[in-house]
Amino acid sequence: MSLELIKRKSGMNTLYWRLKYSLDEIQEKHPERLDIICPMEESMKEVAAVVEYLTHCEKVYQATERRSHKLELENLQLKQENRSLSEHLKTLISGEI
């Protein structure tokens, strides 16, 4: 998922900069074309918000992955401890009988 998220974020960044360059050109050559300029500015804000949200999702995903890894490691350690204690218990029981 992380690679897909990065791919989508990259696509949104590319879209943002394409809009920016087009908007700059229109503002320079046709500043009176507010019918084009205003919607493009709004679209840029929306795309920037999507990029910001994807960045947030990426950070949450990475934190979740780290937490999951730590929990898996702890689970393995606890399983090993459980096996060790079970063996110790068997030794104690067999020595008493």
PDB file of N, CA and C in Angstrom:
ATOM      1  N   MET A   1       0.818  -1.202   0.000  1.00  0.00           N
ATOM      2  CA  MET A   1       0.000   0.000   0.000  1.00  0.00           C
ATOM      3  C   MET A   1       0.859   1.261   0.000  1.00  0.00           C
ATOM      4  N   SER A   2       1.958   1.232   0.681  1.00  0.00           N
ATOM      5  CA  SER A   2       2.791   2.424   0.782  1.00  0.00           C
ATOM      6  C   SER A   2       3.248   2.901  -0.596  1.00  0.00           C
ATOM      7  N   LEU A   3       3.643   1.972  -1.452  1.00  0.00           N
ATOM      8  CA  LEU A   3       4.085   2.342  -2.794  1.00  0.00           C
ATOM      9  C   LEU A   3       2.939   2.970  -3.582  1.00  0.00           C
ATOM     10  N   GLU A   4       1.755   2.395  -3.445  1.00  0.00           N
ATOM     11  CA  GLU A   4       0.572   2.944  -4.130  1.00  0.00           C
ATOM     12  C   GLU A   4       0.265   4.353  -3.622  1.00  0.00           C
ATOM     13  N   LEU A   5       0.389   4.554  -2.335  1.00  0.00           N
ATOM     14  CA  LEU A   5       0.146   5.865  -1.739  1.00  0.00           C
ATOM     15  C   LEU A   5       1.145   6.895  -2.271  1.00  0.00           C
ATOM     16  N   ILE A   6       2.406   6.501  -2.340  1.00  0.00           N
ATOM     17  CA  ILE A   6       3.442   7.397  -2.864  1.00  0.00           C
ATOM     18  C   ILE A   6       3.169   7.721  -4.329  1.00  0.00           C
ATOM     19  N   LYS A   7       2.743   6.713  -5.087  1.00  0.00           N
ATOM     20  CA  LYS A   7       2.421   6.917  -6.504  1.00  0.00           C
ATOM     21  C   LYS A   7       1.285   7.932  -6.665  1.00  0.00           C
ATOM     22  N   ARG A   8       0.238   7.773  -5.867  1.00  0.00           N
ATOM     23  CA  ARG A   8      -0.912   8.694  -5.949  1.00  0.00           C
ATOM     24  C   ARG A   8      -0.518  10.108  -5.522  1.00  0.00           C
ATOM     25  N   LYS A   9       0.285  10.194  -4.486  1.00  0.00           N
ATOM     26  CA  LYS A   9       0.749  11.501  -4.011  1.00  0.00           C
ATOM     27  C   LYS A   9       1.599  12.185  -5.083  1.00  0.00           C
ATOM     28  N   SER A  10       2.448  11.416  -5.712  1.00  0.00           N
ATOM     29  CA  SER A  10       3.279  11.954  -6.789  1.00  0.00           C
ATOM     30  C   SER A  10       2.415  12.460  -7.942  1.00  0.00           C
ATOM     31  N   GLY A  11       1.373  11.710  -8.273  1.00  0.00           N
ATOM     32  CA  GLY A  11       0.446  12.133  -9.328  1.00  0.00           C
ATOM     33  C   GLY A  11      -0.253  13.438  -8.986  1.00  0.00           C
ATOM     34  N   MET A  12      -0.642  13.579  -7.732  1.00  0.00           N
ATOM     35  CA  MET A  12      -1.297  14.816  -7.296  1.00  0.00           C
ATOM     36  C   MET A  12      -0.316  15.996  -7.303  1.00  0.00           C
ATOM     37  N   ASN A  13       0.923  15.746  -6.904  1.00  0.00           N
ATOM     38  CA  ASN A  13       1.938  16.803  -6.962  1.00  0.00           C
ATOM     39  C   ASN A  13       2.169  17.255  -8.401  1.00  0.00           C
ATOM     40  N   THR A  14       2.245  16.299  -9.309  1.00  0.00           N
ATOM     41  CA  THR A  14       2.421  16.619 -10.728  1.00  0.00           C
ATOM     42  C   THR A  14       1.246  17.450 -11.232  1.00  0.00           C
ATOM     43  N   LEU A  15       0.044  17.048 -10.879  1.00  0.00           N
ATOM     44  CA  LEU A  15      -1.148  17.795 -11.280  1.00  0.00           C
ATOM     45  C   LEU A  15      -1.113  19.216 -10.732  1.00  0.00           C
ATOM     46  N   TYR A  16      -0.721  19.350  -9.472  1.00  0.00           N
ATOM     47  CA  TYR A  16      -0.634  20.675  -8.860  1.00  0.00           C
ATOM     48  C   TYR A  16       0.302  21.585  -9.658  1.00  0.00           C
ATOM     49  N   TRP A  17       1.492  21.080  -9.984  1.00  0.00           N
ATOM     50  CA  TRP A  17       2.469  21.922 -10.685  1.00  0.00           C
ATOM     51  C   TRP A  17       2.059  22.206 -12.125  1.00  0.00           C
ATOM     52  N   ARG A  18       1.372  21.263 -12.756  1.00  0.00           N
ATOM     53  CA  ARG A  18       0.847  21.546 -14.101  1.00  0.00           C
ATOM     54  C   ARG A  18      -0.181  22.675 -14.037  1.00  0.00           C
ATOM     55  N   LEU A  19      -1.054  22.587 -13.052  1.00  0.00           N
ATOM     56  CA  LEU A  19      -2.043  23.657 -12.877  1.00  0.00           C
ATOM     57  C   LEU A  19      -1.361  24.991 -12.596  1.00  0.00           C
ATOM     58  N   LYS A  20      -0.351  24.965 -11.745  1.00  0.00           N
ATOM     59  CA  LYS A  20       0.367  26.196 -11.376  1.00  0.00           C
ATOM     60  C   LYS A  20       1.010  26.839 -12.595  1.00  0.00           C
ATOM     61  N   TYR A  21       1.731  26.034 -13.383  1.00  0.00           N
ATOM     62  CA  TYR A  21       2.396  26.596 -14.568  1.00  0.00           C
ATOM     63  C   TYR A  21       1.385  27.126 -15.578  1.00  0.00           C
ATOM     64  N   SER A  22       0.294  26.395 -15.777  1.00  0.00           N
ATOM     65  CA  SER A  22      -0.748  26.859 -16.699  1.00  0.00           C
ATOM     66  C   SER A  22      -1.391  28.143 -16.187  1.00  0.00           C
ATOM     67  N   LEU A  23      -1.674  28.173 -14.895  1.00  0.00           N
ATOM     68  CA  LEU A  23      -2.280  29.360 -14.302  1.00  0.00           C
ATOM     69  C   LEU A  23      -1.359  30.571 -14.425  1.00  0.00           C
ATOM     70  N   ASP A  24      -0.076  30.372 -14.134  1.00  0.00           N
ATOM     71  CA  ASP A  24       0.886  31.478 -14.264  1.00  0.00           C
ATOM     72  C   ASP A  24       0.915  32.016 -15.685  1.00  0.00           C
ATOM     73  N   GLU A  25       0.881  31.117 -16.653  1.00  0.00           N
ATOM     74  CA  GLU A  25       0.917  31.530 -18.056  1.00  0.00           C
ATOM     75  C   GLU A  25      -0.348  32.293 -18.438  1.00  0.00           C
ATOM     76  N   ILE A  26      -1.500  31.796 -17.989  1.00  0.00           N
ATOM     77  CA  ILE A  26      -2.763  32.479 -18.298  1.00  0.00           C
ATOM     78  C   ILE A  26      -2.799  33.852 -17.631  1.00  0.00           C
ATOM     79  N   GLN A  27      -2.351  33.926 -16.373  1.00  0.00           N
ATOM     80  CA  GLN A  27      -2.337  35.208 -15.672  1.00  0.00           C
ATOM     81  C   GLN A  27      -1.403  36.207 -16.359  1.00  0.00           C
ATOM     82  N   GLU A  28      -0.329  35.717 -16.927  1.00  0.00           N
ATOM     83  CA  GLU A  28       0.626  36.594 -17.611  1.00  0.00           C
ATOM     84  C   GLU A  28       0.087  37.057 -18.963  1.00  0.00           C
ATOM     85  N   LYS A  29      -0.479  36.144 -19.731  1.00  0.00           N
ATOM     86  CA  LYS A  29      -0.892  36.461 -21.097  1.00  0.00           C
ATOM     87  C   LYS A  29      -2.331  36.966 -21.202  1.00  0.00           C
ATOM     88  N   HIS A  30      -3.187  36.501 -20.278  1.00  0.00           N
ATOM     89  CA  HIS A  30      -4.610  36.881 -20.335  1.00  0.00           C
ATOM     90  C   HIS A  30      -5.138  37.146 -18.930  1.00  0.00           C
ATOM     91  N   PRO A  31      -4.648  38.164 -18.258  1.00  0.00           N
ATOM     92  CA  PRO A  31      -5.056  38.416 -16.872  1.00  0.00           C
ATOM     93  C   PRO A  31      -6.547  38.732 -16.719  1.00  0.00           C
ATOM     94  N   GLU A  32      -7.197  39.086 -17.794  1.00  0.00           N
ATOM     95  CA  GLU A  32      -8.618  39.415 -17.741  1.00  0.00           C
ATOM     96  C   GLU A  32      -9.510  38.161 -17.710  1.00  0.00           C
ATOM     97  N   ARG A  33      -8.933  36.987 -17.965  1.00  0.00           N
ATOM     98  CA  ARG A  33      -9.714  35.745 -18.058  1.00  0.00           C
ATOM     99  C   ARG A  33      -9.991  35.136 -16.680  1.00  0.00           C
ATOM    100  N   LEU A  34     -10.734  35.880 -15.883  1.00  0.00           N
ATOM    101  CA  LEU A  34     -11.071  35.418 -14.539  1.00  0.00           C
ATOM    102  C   LEU A  34     -11.970  34.186 -14.557  1.00  0.00           C
ATOM    103  N   ASP A  35     -12.675  33.978 -15.667  1.00  0.00           N
ATOM    104  CA  ASP A  35     -13.516  32.779 -15.799  1.00  0.00           C
ATOM    105  C   ASP A  35     -12.679  31.505 -15.831  1.00  0.00           C
ATOM    106  N   ILE A  36     -11.412  31.635 -16.193  1.00  0.00           N
ATOM    107  CA  ILE A  36     -10.495  30.491 -16.197  1.00  0.00           C
ATOM    108  C   ILE A  36      -9.607  30.523 -14.947  1.00  0.00           C
ATOM    109  N   ILE A  37      -9.152  31.693 -14.611  1.00  0.00           N
ATOM    110  CA  ILE A  37      -8.189  31.857 -13.510  1.00  0.00           C
ATOM    111  C   ILE A  37      -8.786  31.435 -12.161  1.00  0.00           C
ATOM    112  N   CYS A  38      -9.961  31.913 -11.850  1.00  0.00           N
ATOM    113  CA  CYS A  38     -10.572  31.606 -10.541  1.00  0.00           C
ATOM    114  C   CYS A  38     -10.811  30.107 -10.332  1.00  0.00           C
ATOM    115  N   PRO A  39     -11.407  29.405 -11.310  1.00  0.00           N
ATOM    116  CA  PRO A  39     -11.576  27.955 -11.119  1.00  0.00           C
ATOM    117  C   PRO A  39     -10.244  27.205 -11.005  1.00  0.00           C
ATOM    118  N   MET A  40      -9.242  27.658 -11.732  1.00  0.00           N
ATOM    119  CA  MET A  40      -7.939  27.002 -11.650  1.00  0.00           C
ATOM    120  C   MET A  40      -7.315  27.215 -10.271  1.00  0.00           C
ATOM    121  N   GLU A  41      -7.475  28.404  -9.723  1.00  0.00           N
ATOM    122  CA  GLU A  41      -6.955  28.664  -8.373  1.00  0.00           C
ATOM    123  C   GLU A  41      -7.660  27.773  -7.361  1.00  0.00           C
ATOM    124  N   GLU A  42      -8.952  27.626  -7.522  1.00  0.00           N
ATOM    125  CA  GLU A  42      -9.716  26.757  -6.624  1.00  0.00           C
ATOM    126  C   GLU A  42      -9.276  25.303  -6.773  1.00  0.00           C
ATOM    127  N   SER A  43      -9.051  24.879  -8.001  1.00  0.00           N
ATOM    128  CA  SER A  43      -8.584  23.508  -8.243  1.00  0.00           C
ATOM    129  C   SER A  43      -7.218  23.280  -7.605  1.00  0.00           C
ATOM    130  N   MET A  44      -6.355  24.272  -7.680  1.00  0.00           N
ATOM    131  CA  MET A  44      -5.033  24.148  -7.057  1.00  0.00           C
ATOM    132  C   MET A  44      -5.157  23.979  -5.546  1.00  0.00           C
ATOM    133  N   LYS A  45      -6.066  24.734  -4.942  1.00  0.00           N
ATOM    134  CA  LYS A  45      -6.279  24.598  -3.493  1.00  0.00           C
ATOM    135  C   LYS A  45      -6.776  23.199  -3.146  1.00  0.00           C
ATOM    136  N   GLU A  46      -7.685  22.679  -3.954  1.00  0.00           N
ATOM    137  CA  GLU A  46      -8.221  21.337  -3.712  1.00  0.00           C
ATOM    138  C   GLU A  46      -7.142  20.275  -3.864  1.00  0.00           C
ATOM    139  N   VAL A  47      -6.327  20.403  -4.904  1.00  0.00           N
ATOM    140  CA  VAL A  47      -5.252  19.432  -5.121  1.00  0.00           C
ATOM    141  C   VAL A  47      -4.231  19.521  -3.989  1.00  0.00           C
ATOM    142  N   ALA A  48      -3.921  20.732  -3.548  1.00  0.00           N
ATOM    143  CA  ALA A  48      -2.980  20.900  -2.426  1.00  0.00           C
ATOM    144  C   ALA A  48      -3.530  20.242  -1.163  1.00  0.00           C
ATOM    145  N   ALA A  49      -4.830  20.338  -0.952  1.00  0.00           N
ATOM    146  CA  ALA A  49      -5.454  19.705   0.212  1.00  0.00           C
ATOM    147  C   ALA A  49      -5.366  18.183   0.112  1.00  0.00           C
ATOM    148  N   VAL A  50      -5.532  17.653  -1.086  1.00  0.00           N
ATOM    149  CA  VAL A  50      -5.419  16.209  -1.285  1.00  0.00           C
ATOM    150  C   VAL A  50      -3.989  15.749  -1.008  1.00  0.00           C
ATOM    151  N   VAL A  51      -3.003  16.500  -1.489  1.00  0.00           N
ATOM    152  CA  VAL A  51      -1.596  16.163  -1.244  1.00  0.00           C
ATOM    153  C   VAL A  51      -1.310  16.179   0.260  1.00  0.00           C
ATOM    154  N   GLU A  52      -1.821  17.173   0.943  1.00  0.00           N
ATOM    155  CA  GLU A  52      -1.630  17.268   2.392  1.00  0.00           C
ATOM    156  C   GLU A  52      -2.265  16.069   3.099  1.00  0.00           C
ATOM    157  N   TYR A  53      -3.458  15.685   2.661  1.00  0.00           N
ATOM    158  CA  TYR A  53      -4.129  14.539   3.267  1.00  0.00           C
ATOM    159  C   TYR A  53      -3.370  13.241   2.985  1.00  0.00           C
ATOM    160  N   LEU A  54      -2.881  13.080   1.761  1.00  0.00           N
ATOM    161  CA  LEU A  54      -2.109  11.886   1.423  1.00  0.00           C
ATOM    162  C   LEU A  54      -0.825  11.814   2.243  1.00  0.00           C
ATOM    163  N   THR A  55      -0.209  12.958   2.508  1.00  0.00           N
ATOM    164  CA  THR A  55       0.980  13.004   3.359  1.00  0.00           C
ATOM    165  C   THR A  55       0.626  12.534   4.758  1.00  0.00           C
ATOM    166  N   HIS A  56      -0.500  12.996   5.268  1.00  0.00           N
ATOM    167  CA  HIS A  56      -0.977  12.562   6.582  1.00  0.00           C
ATOM    168  C   HIS A  56      -1.219  11.046   6.591  1.00  0.00           C
ATOM    169  N   CYS A  57      -1.886  10.538   5.561  1.00  0.00           N
ATOM    170  CA  CYS A  57      -2.159   9.101   5.471  1.00  0.00           C
ATOM    171  C   CYS A  57      -0.861   8.306   5.424  1.00  0.00           C
ATOM    172  N   GLU A  58       0.106   8.818   4.700  1.00  0.00           N
ATOM    173  CA  GLU A  58       1.401   8.142   4.598  1.00  0.00           C
ATOM    174  C   GLU A  58       2.078   8.055   5.969  1.00  0.00           C
ATOM    175  N   LYS A  59       2.035   9.138   6.728  1.00  0.00           N
ATOM    176  CA  LYS A  59       2.634   9.143   8.067  1.00  0.00           C
ATOM    177  C   LYS A  59       1.912   8.179   8.995  1.00  0.00           C
ATOM    178  N   VAL A  60       0.587   8.168   8.932  1.00  0.00           N
ATOM    179  CA  VAL A  60      -0.201   7.252   9.766  1.00  0.00           C
ATOM    180  C   VAL A  60       0.116   5.806   9.381  1.00  0.00           C
ATOM    181  N   TYR A  61       0.202   5.543   8.093  1.00  0.00           N
ATOM    182  CA  TYR A  61       0.513   4.199   7.615  1.00  0.00           C
ATOM    183  C   TYR A  61       1.887   3.750   8.120  1.00  0.00           C
ATOM    184  N   GLN A  62       2.878   4.625   8.024  1.00  0.00           N
ATOM    185  CA  GLN A  62       4.227   4.279   8.492  1.00  0.00           C
ATOM    186  C   GLN A  62       4.232   4.020   9.997  1.00  0.00           C
ATOM    187  N   ALA A  63       3.531   4.840  10.751  1.00  0.00           N
ATOM    188  CA  ALA A  63       3.464   4.640  12.203  1.00  0.00           C
ATOM    189  C   ALA A  63       2.768   3.319  12.527  1.00  0.00           C
ATOM    190  N   THR A  64       1.724   2.998  11.793  1.00  0.00           N
ATOM    191  CA  THR A  64       1.001   1.749  12.003  1.00  0.00           C
ATOM    192  C   THR A  64       1.888   0.552  11.669  1.00  0.00           C
ATOM    193  N   GLU A  65       2.648   0.660  10.595  1.00  0.00           N
ATOM    194  CA  GLU A  65       3.576  -0.408  10.223  1.00  0.00           C
ATOM    195  C   GLU A  65       4.628  -0.626  11.310  1.00  0.00           C
ATOM    196  N   ARG A  66       5.176   0.465  11.835  1.00  0.00           N
ATOM    197  CA  ARG A  66       6.175   0.344  12.914  1.00  0.00           C
ATOM    198  C   ARG A  66       5.559  -0.323  14.136  1.00  0.00           C
ATOM    199  N   ARG A  67       4.361   0.093  14.501  1.00  0.00           N
ATOM    200  CA  ARG A  67       3.682  -0.472  15.675  1.00  0.00           C
ATOM    201  C   ARG A  67       3.395  -1.951  15.451  1.00  0.00           C
ATOM    202  N   SER A  68       2.949  -2.286  14.269  1.00  0.00           N
ATOM    203  CA  SER A  68       2.657  -3.679  13.941  1.00  0.00           C
ATOM    204  C   SER A  68       3.927  -4.530  14.048  1.00  0.00           C
ATOM    205  N   HIS A  69       5.022  -4.025  13.552  1.00  0.00           N
ATOM    206  CA  HIS A  69       6.295  -4.750  13.627  1.00  0.00           C
ATOM    207  C   HIS A  69       6.694  -4.969  15.090  1.00  0.00           C
ATOM    208  N   LYS A  70       6.581  -3.933  15.908  1.00  0.00           N
ATOM    209  CA  LYS A  70       6.919  -4.062  17.331  1.00  0.00           C
ATOM    210  C   LYS A  70       6.035  -5.099  18.014  1.00  0.00           C
ATOM    211  N   LEU A  71       4.745  -5.088  17.690  1.00  0.00           N
ATOM    212  CA  LEU A  71       3.822  -6.047  18.306  1.00  0.00           C
ATOM    213  C   LEU A  71       4.117  -7.480  17.846  1.00  0.00           C
ATOM    214  N   GLU A  72       4.463  -7.652  16.584  1.00  0.00           N
ATOM    215  CA  GLU A  72       4.829  -8.981  16.093  1.00  0.00           C
ATOM    216  C   GLU A  72       6.071  -9.491  16.805  1.00  0.00           C
ATOM    217  N   LEU A  73       7.047  -8.625  16.984  1.00  0.00           N
ATOM    218  CA  LEU A  73       8.264  -9.006  17.696  1.00  0.00           C
ATOM    219  C   LEU A  73       7.951  -9.381  19.143  1.00  0.00           C
ATOM    220  N   GLU A  74       7.152  -8.574  19.806  1.00  0.00           N
ATOM    221  CA  GLU A  74       6.767  -8.867  21.182  1.00  0.00           C
ATOM    222  C   GLU A  74       6.014 -10.191  21.260  1.00  0.00           C
ATOM    223  N   ASN A  75       5.146 -10.448  20.306  1.00  0.00           N
ATOM    224  CA  ASN A  75       4.393 -11.697  20.263  1.00  0.00           C
ATOM    225  C   ASN A  75       5.341 -12.890  20.137  1.00  0.00           C
ATOM    226  N   LEU A  76       6.326 -12.790  19.268  1.00  0.00           N
ATOM    227  CA  LEU A  76       7.299 -13.867  19.112  1.00  0.00           C
ATOM    228  C   LEU A  76       8.090 -14.095  20.402  1.00  0.00           C
ATOM    229  N   GLN A  77       8.475 -13.000  21.046  1.00  0.00           N
ATOM    230  CA  GLN A  77       9.217 -13.121  22.306  1.00  0.00           C
ATOM    231  C   GLN A  77       8.360 -13.782  23.393  1.00  0.00           C
ATOM    232  N   LEU A  78       7.108 -13.405  23.453  1.00  0.00           N
ATOM    233  CA  LEU A  78       6.208 -14.000  24.445  1.00  0.00           C
ATOM    234  C   LEU A  78       5.957 -15.486  24.158  1.00  0.00           C
ATOM    235  N   LYS A  79       5.846 -15.839  22.890  1.00  0.00           N
ATOM    236  CA  LYS A  79       5.677 -17.249  22.532  1.00  0.00           C
ATOM    237  C   LYS A  79       6.904 -18.055  22.961  1.00  0.00           C
ATOM    238  N   GLN A  80       8.079 -17.486  22.718  1.00  0.00           N
ATOM    239  CA  GLN A  80       9.311 -18.161  23.123  1.00  0.00           C
ATOM    240  C   GLN A  80       9.371 -18.311  24.643  1.00  0.00           C
ATOM    241  N   GLU A  81       9.004 -17.256  25.349  1.00  0.00           N
ATOM    242  CA  GLU A  81       8.988 -17.319  26.816  1.00  0.00           C
ATOM    243  C   GLU A  81       7.983 -18.364  27.298  1.00  0.00           C
ATOM    244  N   ASN A  82       6.837 -18.414  26.641  1.00  0.00           N
ATOM    245  CA  ASN A  82       5.812 -19.395  26.996  1.00  0.00           C
ATOM    246  C   ASN A  82       6.332 -20.817  26.792  1.00  0.00           C
ATOM    247  N   ARG A  83       7.001 -21.080  25.665  1.00  0.00           N
ATOM    248  CA  ARG A  83       7.571 -22.405  25.417  1.00  0.00           C
ATOM    249  C   ARG A  83       8.602 -22.752  26.487  1.00  0.00           C
ATOM    250  N   SER A  84       9.458 -21.782  26.808  1.00  0.00           N
ATOM    251  CA  SER A  84      10.501 -22.001  27.808  1.00  0.00           C
ATOM    252  C   SER A  84       9.887 -22.320  29.170  1.00  0.00           C
ATOM    253  N   LEU A  85       8.868 -21.563  29.552  1.00  0.00           N
ATOM    254  CA  LEU A  85       8.202 -21.812  30.837  1.00  0.00           C
ATOM    255  C   LEU A  85       7.471 -23.151  30.838  1.00  0.00           C
ATOM    256  N   SER A  86       6.897 -23.524  29.730  1.00  0.00           N
ATOM    257  CA  SER A  86       6.217 -24.820  29.627  1.00  0.00           C
ATOM    258  C   SER A  86       7.216 -25.960  29.817  1.00  0.00           C
ATOM    259  N   GLU A  87       8.381 -25.830  29.178  1.00  0.00           N
ATOM    260  CA  GLU A  87       9.425 -26.845  29.331  1.00  0.00           C
ATOM    261  C   GLU A  87       9.899 -26.905  30.786  1.00  0.00           C
ATOM    262  N   HIS A  88      10.074 -25.760  31.393  1.00  0.00           N
ATOM    263  CA  HIS A  88      10.504 -25.700  32.791  1.00  0.00           C
ATOM    264  C   HIS A  88       9.453 -26.348  33.697  1.00  0.00           C
ATOM    265  N   LEU A  89       8.188 -26.085  33.421  1.00  0.00           N
ATOM    266  CA  LEU A  89       7.099 -26.678  34.198  1.00  0.00           C
ATOM    267  C   LEU A  89       7.104 -28.199  34.047  1.00  0.00           C
ATOM    268  N   LYS A  90       7.291 -28.678  32.828  1.00  0.00           N
ATOM    269  CA  LYS A  90       7.348 -30.133  32.594  1.00  0.00           C
ATOM    270  C   LYS A  90       8.494 -30.750  33.382  1.00  0.00           C
ATOM    271  N   THR A  91       9.629 -30.066  33.398  1.00  0.00           N
ATOM    272  CA  THR A  91      10.789 -30.558  34.156  1.00  0.00           C
ATOM    273  C   THR A  91      10.472 -30.618  35.640  1.00  0.00           C
ATOM    274  N   LEU A  92       9.841 -29.582  36.159  1.00  0.00           N
ATOM    275  CA  LEU A  92       9.484 -29.569  37.575  1.00  0.00           C
ATOM    276  C   LEU A  92       8.488 -30.666  37.928  1.00  0.00           C
ATOM    277  N   ILE A  93       7.505 -30.847  37.074  1.00  0.00           N
ATOM    278  CA  ILE A  93       6.466 -31.862  37.315  1.00  0.00           C
ATOM    279  C   ILE A  93       7.080 -33.264  37.231  1.00  0.00           C
ATOM    280  N   SER A  94       7.884 -33.511  36.242  1.00  0.00           N
ATOM    281  CA  SER A  94       8.465 -34.848  36.092  1.00  0.00           C
ATOM    282  C   SER A  94       9.444 -35.152  37.223  1.00  0.00           C
ATOM    283  N   GLY A  95      10.075 -34.154  37.787  1.00  0.00           N
ATOM    284  CA  GLY A  95      10.999 -34.364  38.902  1.00  0.00           C
ATOM    285  C   GLY A  95      10.276 -34.661  40.196  1.00  0.00           C
ATOM    286  N   GLU A  96       9.062 -34.218  40.336  1.00  0.00           N
ATOM    287  CA  GLU A  96       8.291 -34.395  41.572  1.00  0.00           C
ATOM    288  C   GLU A  96       7.586 -35.749  41.595  1.00  0.00           C
ATOM    289  N   ILE A  97       7.317 -36.302  40.443  1.00  0.00           N
ATOM    290  CA  ILE A  97       6.541 -37.551  40.394  1.00  0.00           C
ATOM    291  C   ILE A  97       7.440 -38.757  40.584  1.00  0.00           C
TER     292      ILE A  97
END
